[in-house]
Amino acid sequence: MLGWGFPPNVTGGLDTAVGELYEQFTSDEEVTVELVLPAEYAPADRPGIHGVETGDGDIVTRIGQLSETFVDHAADADLIHTHDWFGYNPGSRAQSEHGVPWVTTFHSLSSDRNAEPPDRERRTERRVVNRSDHLIAVSDYTARKLRREYEGEAAVIHNGFPRVEPSDRDVKAELGIDGPMLFFVGRHTDQKGIEYLLYALSELRRDDVTLVVGGTGHLTAQLRKFAELAGVADRTEFVGFVPEAELPDYYASADLFVSPSRSEPFGITVVEALSAGTRVVSTECGAAEVLPDDCLISVDRDSTSIAAGIERGLAAEGPVEYEERGWEAVADDHRAFYEAVLDEEDPHAALEG
């Protein structure tokens, strides 16, 4: 398997999913995983994890540095498993040199992450779809996009629900927030729709609400300026990168977690917030497919709808009830998928069964 990050050194939901799968399979009698990662993210002294120095180049150059090690380990593999577009070079080389089945999981598409997707990523995604023997998507939402954009047919294996454990820390008090606290965390990119949330704050019928924005990205400075233009800079706290160990307390301290994404193929932050006992306002996300209909306060991708959702959320009472999807179930689905591939059976049917 090829990954990029590994908990606690994660760059997104893909890294969490790969890490959780590895943990599930470390004690599995049927599946043994050899995981290739960049050395800066690879934990030390874990069986089957191989860190590779990737240098300081761009991501394509760094992925190229992973390829040789990945291809070497694939020589003894029954199956290779990569993720998203960055798996193309290592996956296609291993498939070609060793003749082993190649499975690709799509956690998101370039069109999810970018308002104007780079042509290189789009071309590479199409090559991955065309060359992979089998495709997995983390949600029906993503499977539909794969079919629409690349004519790819993917089986759906939803992610599991990470559980976070808050301490007694009161982030809200530390930040000096007296009224309700909204929380968002994620990369500051077009995908996350943060400008919708900032403008929604200006449309609320109450002025005692503070928005705490976690994370960083290439749009951070622009978002700060947007908050000023929208007249909500005094009610917005940009707290920067939030270490994974501190996230549970941010979730638990908030009155609402808000996910205003333009596109959210799954939404691990959504289920993390729920696990901390915090109600969630969210645009369409893949996680909603495995949650009760009334679990999330669903909103459209516009500021007026988000503002109305926030007001509904702040007025709501009582706990949110849902059944967690454990990573054991995710591993079971992958095991069934792998077995069907190796037995030359239909893996889609294996999951449906």
Protein backbone atom coordinates (compact mmCIF):
# COMPACT_ATOMS: atom_id res chain seq x y z
CA MET A 1 0.00 0.00 0.00
CA LEU A 2 1.13 3.52 -0.78
CA GLY A 3 0.32 6.40 1.56
CA TRP A 4 1.46 9.94 2.20
CA GLY A 5 0.91 10.90 5.86
CA PHE A 6 0.33 8.77 8.93
CA PRO A 7 -1.32 9.68 12.26
CA PRO A 8 -0.51 11.87 14.08
CA ASN A 9 1.35 13.44 11.13
CA VAL A 10 -1.62 13.80 8.83
CA THR A 11 -2.39 16.20 6.01
CA GLY A 12 -6.02 15.17 5.51
CA GLY A 13 -8.62 12.43 5.74
CA LEU A 14 -6.74 10.15 3.33
CA ASP A 15 -3.87 9.84 5.81
CA THR A 16 -6.27 9.01 8.64
CA ALA A 17 -7.93 6.31 6.57
CA VAL A 18 -4.63 4.71 5.54
CA GLY A 19 -3.39 4.79 9.12
CA GLU A 20 -6.56 3.22 10.47
CA LEU A 21 -6.47 0.46 7.85
CA TYR A 22 -2.85 -0.30 8.73
CA GLU A 23 -3.73 -0.52 12.43
CA GLN A 24 -6.62 -2.89 11.73
CA PHE A 25 -4.50 -5.19 9.60
CA THR A 26 -1.48 -5.37 11.93
CA SER A 27 -3.20 -8.10 13.93
CA ASP A 28 -5.07 -9.65 10.98
CA GLU A 29 -4.32 -13.28 10.17
CA GLU A 30 -5.41 -12.96 6.54
CA VAL A 31 -4.06 -9.58 5.40
CA THR A 32 -0.48 -8.39 5.74
CA VAL A 33 0.26 -4.79 4.74
CA GLU A 34 3.58 -3.36 3.59
CA LEU A 35 3.06 0.41 3.70
CA VAL A 36 5.37 2.81 1.84
CA LEU A 37 5.40 6.44 3.07
CA PRO A 38 7.59 9.54 2.88
CA ALA A 39 10.17 9.24 5.67
CA GLU A 40 9.09 12.48 7.36
CA TYR A 41 5.65 11.01 8.07
CA ALA A 42 6.58 7.37 8.67
CA PRO A 43 6.53 6.22 12.32
CA ALA A 44 9.65 4.46 13.53
CA ASP A 45 9.81 0.79 14.45
CA ARG A 46 6.38 -0.19 13.13
CA PRO A 47 6.31 -3.52 11.31
CA GLY A 48 5.76 -3.28 7.58
CA ILE A 49 6.13 0.51 7.33
CA HIS A 50 8.86 1.70 5.00
CA GLY A 51 9.87 5.37 5.11
CA VAL A 52 11.51 6.80 1.98
CA GLU A 53 13.47 10.06 1.79
CA THR A 54 11.72 12.13 -0.87
CA GLY A 55 13.81 15.32 -0.92
CA ASP A 56 12.60 18.90 -1.30
CA GLY A 57 11.12 18.92 -4.82
CA ASP A 58 7.50 19.36 -5.84
CA ILE A 59 5.01 16.62 -5.05
CA VAL A 60 5.45 14.86 -8.41
CA THR A 61 9.22 14.68 -7.89
CA ARG A 62 8.77 13.43 -4.33
CA ILE A 63 6.31 10.77 -5.43
CA GLY A 64 8.86 9.65 -7.98
CA GLN A 65 11.26 9.03 -5.13
CA LEU A 66 8.72 6.65 -3.56
CA SER A 67 8.21 4.62 -6.72
CA GLU A 68 11.32 2.46 -6.68
CA THR A 69 10.78 1.31 -3.09
CA PHE A 70 7.09 0.70 -3.75
CA VAL A 71 7.82 -1.35 -6.88
CA ASP A 72 10.43 -3.39 -4.98
CA HIS A 73 7.97 -4.33 -2.24
CA ALA A 74 5.25 -5.06 -4.80
CA ALA A 75 7.35 -7.94 -6.15
CA ASP A 76 6.14 -10.14 -3.29
CA ALA A 77 2.60 -8.73 -3.08
CA ASP A 78 -0.66 -10.38 -4.06
CA LEU A 79 -2.24 -6.96 -4.62
CA ILE A 80 -1.19 -3.31 -4.68
CA HIS A 81 -3.31 -0.51 -3.28
CA THR A 82 -2.71 3.21 -3.89
CA HIS A 83 -4.79 6.32 -3.18
CA ASP A 84 -5.88 9.25 -5.33
CA TRP A 85 -3.92 10.63 -8.27
CA PHE A 86 -0.49 10.52 -6.61
CA GLY A 87 -0.48 6.73 -6.83
CA TYR A 88 -0.29 6.69 -10.62
CA ASN A 89 3.47 6.41 -11.14
CA PRO A 90 4.16 3.86 -8.37
CA GLY A 91 0.98 1.89 -9.05
CA SER A 92 1.29 1.66 -12.82
CA ARG A 93 4.97 0.71 -12.59
CA ALA A 94 4.31 -2.01 -10.02
CA GLN A 95 1.36 -3.32 -12.00
CA SER A 96 3.41 -3.45 -15.21
CA GLU A 97 6.57 -4.98 -13.73
CA HIS A 98 4.95 -7.60 -11.50
CA GLY A 99 1.53 -8.25 -13.04
CA VAL A 100 -0.30 -7.87 -9.71
CA PRO A 101 -3.83 -6.42 -9.51
CA TRP A 102 -3.87 -2.68 -8.83
CA VAL A 103 -6.59 -1.16 -6.63
CA THR A 104 -6.98 2.62 -6.31
CA THR A 105 -9.10 4.36 -3.69
CA PHE A 106 -10.34 7.85 -4.50
CA HIS A 107 -10.82 9.96 -1.38
CA SER A 108 -11.45 13.07 -3.48
CA LEU A 109 -10.97 14.37 -7.00
CA SER A 110 -9.04 17.37 -8.24
CA SER A 111 -12.39 19.02 -8.98
CA ASP A 112 -13.22 18.69 -5.28
CA ARG A 113 -10.02 20.38 -4.19
CA ASN A 114 -9.74 23.15 -6.79
CA ALA A 115 -12.08 25.71 -8.32
CA GLU A 116 -9.99 25.33 -11.50
CA PRO A 117 -8.44 21.84 -11.38
CA PRO A 118 -4.86 21.66 -12.72
CA ASP A 119 -4.73 19.93 -16.11
CA ARG A 120 -1.90 17.67 -14.91
CA GLU A 121 -3.95 16.32 -12.03
CA ARG A 122 -7.00 15.83 -14.23
CA ARG A 123 -4.97 13.93 -16.83
CA THR A 124 -3.38 11.80 -14.13
CA GLU A 125 -6.72 10.99 -12.55
CA ARG A 126 -8.03 9.80 -15.91
CA ARG A 127 -4.94 7.63 -16.35
CA VAL A 128 -5.45 6.14 -12.89
CA VAL A 129 -9.08 5.33 -13.70
CA ASN A 130 -8.13 3.77 -17.03
CA ARG A 131 -5.14 1.79 -15.79
CA SER A 132 -6.29 0.56 -12.37
CA ASP A 133 -7.80 -2.91 -12.27
CA HIS A 134 -10.31 -1.91 -9.61
CA LEU A 135 -11.56 1.36 -8.08
CA ILE A 136 -12.89 2.17 -4.62
CA ALA A 137 -14.62 5.42 -3.63
CA VAL A 138 -15.12 6.60 -0.04
CA SER A 139 -18.72 7.62 -0.70
CA ASP A 140 -21.54 7.36 -3.21
CA TYR A 141 -20.95 11.08 -3.77
CA THR A 142 -17.41 10.38 -4.99
CA ALA A 143 -18.44 7.31 -6.98
CA ARG A 144 -20.97 9.43 -8.88
CA LYS A 145 -18.31 12.04 -9.66
CA LEU A 146 -15.88 9.37 -10.90
CA ARG A 147 -18.56 8.05 -13.23
CA ARG A 148 -19.54 11.51 -14.45
CA GLU A 149 -16.02 12.92 -14.95
CA TYR A 150 -14.05 9.83 -16.01
CA GLU A 151 -16.56 7.07 -16.80
CA GLY A 152 -15.05 5.08 -13.91
CA GLU A 153 -17.03 2.47 -11.97
CA ALA A 154 -16.03 2.33 -8.31
CA ALA A 155 -17.18 0.17 -5.44
CA VAL A 156 -18.05 2.21 -2.34
CA ILE A 157 -16.36 1.59 1.00
CA HIS A 158 -17.23 4.39 3.40
CA ASN A 159 -14.59 5.56 5.84
CA GLY A 160 -14.89 4.80 9.51
CA PHE A 161 -15.73 7.32 12.19
CA PRO A 162 -12.71 8.54 14.13
CA ARG A 163 -13.50 9.04 17.81
CA VAL A 164 -11.89 11.92 19.67
CA GLU A 165 -11.52 12.14 23.45
CA PRO A 166 -11.68 15.69 24.86
CA SER A 167 -9.99 16.63 28.12
CA ASP A 168 -11.27 19.21 30.61
CA ARG A 169 -9.66 22.06 28.69
CA ASP A 170 -12.04 24.95 27.94
CA VAL A 171 -10.83 26.51 24.69
CA LYS A 172 -13.80 28.83 24.62
CA ALA A 173 -12.79 30.39 27.94
CA GLU A 174 -9.13 30.58 26.88
CA LEU A 175 -10.13 32.61 23.84
CA GLY A 176 -12.33 34.89 25.97
CA ILE A 177 -15.53 34.00 24.12
CA ASP A 178 -18.68 34.85 26.11
CA GLY A 179 -21.38 33.95 23.58
CA PRO A 180 -21.79 30.92 21.31
CA MET A 181 -18.66 29.54 19.63
CA LEU A 182 -18.66 28.18 16.09
CA PHE A 183 -15.68 26.08 15.02
CA PHE A 184 -14.26 25.18 11.64
CA VAL A 185 -11.01 23.35 10.94
CA GLY A 186 -9.52 22.40 7.59
CA ARG A 187 -7.20 23.51 4.82
CA HIS A 188 -7.76 27.09 3.70
CA THR A 189 -8.58 26.26 0.08
CA ASP A 190 -11.43 26.91 -2.34
CA GLN A 191 -12.83 23.46 -1.59
CA LYS A 192 -13.66 24.27 2.01
CA GLY A 193 -15.99 27.18 1.25
CA ILE A 194 -14.80 29.21 4.25
CA GLU A 195 -15.82 32.51 2.64
CA TYR A 196 -19.46 31.28 2.71
CA LEU A 197 -19.13 30.78 6.46
CA LEU A 198 -17.57 34.19 7.04
CA TYR A 199 -20.34 35.90 5.11
CA ALA A 200 -22.96 33.75 6.90
CA LEU A 201 -21.63 35.15 10.18
CA SER A 202 -22.52 38.64 8.95
CA GLU A 203 -26.06 37.47 8.11
CA LEU A 204 -26.87 36.08 11.56
CA ARG A 205 -29.63 37.88 13.43
CA ARG A 206 -27.46 37.91 16.55
CA ASP A 207 -24.07 39.54 17.05
CA ASP A 208 -22.82 37.54 20.05
CA VAL A 209 -21.50 34.59 18.00
CA THR A 210 -17.74 34.06 17.52
CA LEU A 211 -16.29 31.94 14.74
CA VAL A 212 -13.03 30.11 15.47
CA VAL A 213 -11.19 29.15 12.27
CA GLY A 214 -8.52 26.48 12.55
CA GLY A 215 -6.05 25.45 9.88
CA THR A 216 -3.89 27.21 7.33
CA GLY A 217 -3.49 27.35 3.57
CA HIS A 218 -2.82 29.52 0.58
CA LEU A 219 -6.06 31.48 1.15
CA THR A 220 -5.47 32.41 4.81
CA ALA A 221 -4.46 36.03 4.17
CA GLN A 222 -7.31 36.45 1.69
CA LEU A 223 -9.81 35.05 4.21
CA ARG A 224 -8.60 37.46 6.89
CA LYS A 225 -9.19 40.33 4.47
CA PHE A 226 -12.60 38.93 3.55
CA ALA A 227 -13.56 38.86 7.25
CA GLU A 228 -12.69 42.55 7.45
CA LEU A 229 -14.72 43.39 4.34
CA ALA A 230 -17.70 41.38 5.66
CA GLY A 231 -17.52 43.28 8.95
CA VAL A 232 -16.92 40.18 11.09
CA ALA A 233 -13.19 40.43 11.82
CA ASP A 234 -13.93 41.29 15.45
CA ARG A 235 -16.02 38.11 15.76
CA THR A 236 -13.56 35.79 14.01
CA GLU A 237 -10.53 34.11 15.59
CA PHE A 238 -7.97 32.65 13.19
CA VAL A 239 -6.08 30.22 15.44
CA GLY A 240 -3.82 28.66 12.78
CA PHE A 241 -2.78 25.04 12.68
CA VAL A 242 -4.40 23.01 15.47
CA PRO A 243 -2.33 19.97 16.50
CA GLU A 244 -4.27 16.71 16.34
CA ALA A 245 -3.93 16.24 20.10
CA GLU A 246 -5.71 19.56 20.71
CA LEU A 247 -8.55 19.10 18.22
CA PRO A 248 -10.87 17.18 20.61
CA ASP A 249 -10.96 20.13 23.01
CA TYR A 250 -11.71 22.60 20.20
CA TYR A 251 -14.60 20.39 19.01
CA ALA A 252 -15.98 19.92 22.53
CA SER A 253 -15.69 23.61 23.45
CA ALA A 254 -17.70 24.71 20.42
CA ASP A 255 -21.46 25.13 20.44
CA LEU A 256 -21.52 24.13 16.76
CA PHE A 257 -19.08 22.73 14.25
CA VAL A 258 -19.69 24.13 10.76
CA SER A 259 -18.56 22.47 7.52
CA PRO A 260 -19.35 24.82 4.60
CA SER A 261 -17.44 22.87 1.95
CA ARG A 262 -18.11 23.28 -1.74
CA SER A 263 -17.27 19.59 -2.03
CA GLU A 264 -16.76 17.10 0.81
CA PRO A 265 -16.31 13.54 -0.45
CA PHE A 266 -16.49 12.17 3.09
CA GLY A 267 -15.90 14.64 5.92
CA ILE A 268 -13.86 13.15 8.74
CA THR A 269 -14.01 16.42 10.72
CA VAL A 270 -17.81 16.10 10.68
CA VAL A 271 -17.79 12.75 12.48
CA GLU A 272 -14.94 13.81 14.78
CA ALA A 273 -17.06 16.74 15.95
CA LEU A 274 -20.06 14.48 16.49
CA SER A 275 -17.95 12.11 18.57
CA ALA A 276 -17.07 15.05 20.86
CA GLY A 277 -20.80 15.62 21.40
CA THR A 278 -20.98 18.75 19.25
CA ARG A 279 -23.83 19.40 16.86
CA VAL A 280 -22.83 19.86 13.21
CA VAL A 281 -24.04 22.17 10.45
CA SER A 282 -22.85 20.85 7.08
CA THR A 283 -23.23 21.14 3.35
CA GLU A 284 -23.50 17.86 1.42
CA CYS A 285 -20.89 15.33 2.53
CA GLY A 286 -20.23 11.63 2.11
CA ALA A 287 -20.44 10.97 5.85
CA ALA A 288 -24.14 11.86 5.75
CA GLU A 289 -24.72 8.70 3.71
CA VAL A 290 -24.03 6.57 6.81
CA LEU A 291 -25.70 8.84 9.36
CA PRO A 292 -29.40 9.19 10.28
CA ASP A 293 -31.25 11.77 8.21
CA ASP A 294 -31.70 14.11 11.18
CA CYS A 295 -28.16 13.78 12.53
CA LEU A 296 -26.68 16.75 10.69
CA ILE A 297 -28.20 20.16 10.11
CA SER A 298 -27.97 20.10 6.32
CA VAL A 299 -27.52 23.36 4.46
CA ASP A 300 -26.95 24.50 0.89
CA ARG A 301 -23.68 25.96 -0.36
CA ASP A 302 -24.65 29.59 0.16
CA SER A 303 -24.25 31.98 3.06
CA THR A 304 -27.97 32.54 3.68
CA SER A 305 -28.66 28.82 4.04
CA ILE A 306 -25.60 28.37 6.27
CA ALA A 307 -26.67 31.28 8.49
CA ALA A 308 -30.16 29.77 8.86
CA GLY A 309 -28.60 26.41 9.70
CA ILE A 310 -26.40 27.97 12.37
CA GLU A 311 -29.42 29.60 13.97
CA ARG A 312 -31.30 26.27 13.94
CA GLY A 313 -28.29 24.56 15.45
CA LEU A 314 -27.89 27.07 18.25
CA ALA A 315 -31.58 26.70 19.11
CA ALA A 316 -31.53 22.88 19.08
CA GLU A 317 -31.57 20.92 22.31
CA GLY A 318 -30.73 17.38 23.34
CA PRO A 319 -28.01 14.97 22.23
CA VAL A 320 -27.41 13.88 18.67
CA GLU A 321 -27.84 10.12 18.33
CA TYR A 322 -26.20 7.99 15.66
CA GLU A 323 -24.51 4.63 15.22
CA GLU A 324 -20.78 4.78 14.72
CA ARG A 325 -19.13 3.06 11.78
CA GLY A 326 -16.02 1.47 13.24
CA TRP A 327 -12.76 0.98 11.37
CA GLU A 328 -13.17 -2.74 12.01
CA ALA A 329 -16.10 -2.66 9.58
CA VAL A 330 -13.98 -0.72 7.07
CA ALA A 331 -11.24 -3.35 7.31
CA ASP A 332 -13.82 -6.14 6.90
CA ASP A 333 -15.08 -4.50 3.71
CA HIS A 334 -11.55 -4.16 2.35
CA ARG A 335 -10.75 -7.76 3.19
CA ALA A 336 -13.85 -8.93 1.32
CA PHE A 337 -12.92 -6.69 -1.61
CA TYR A 338 -9.34 -7.99 -1.74
CA GLU A 339 -10.47 -11.61 -1.55
CA ALA A 340 -12.94 -11.13 -4.38
CA VAL A 341 -10.24 -9.53 -6.56
CA LEU A 342 -7.81 -12.39 -5.92
CA ASP A 343 -10.51 -15.00 -6.50
CA GLU A 344 -11.37 -13.20 -9.76
CA GLU A 345 -14.90 -12.56 -8.55
CA ASP A 346 -16.92 -9.34 -8.65
CA PRO A 347 -15.75 -7.20 -5.70
CA HIS A 348 -18.87 -5.04 -5.97
CA ALA A 349 -21.00 -8.13 -5.35
CA ALA A 350 -18.78 -9.12 -2.41
CA LEU A 351 -19.49 -5.80 -0.71
CA GLU A 352 -23.21 -5.97 -1.42
CA GLY A 353 -23.29 -9.45 0.06
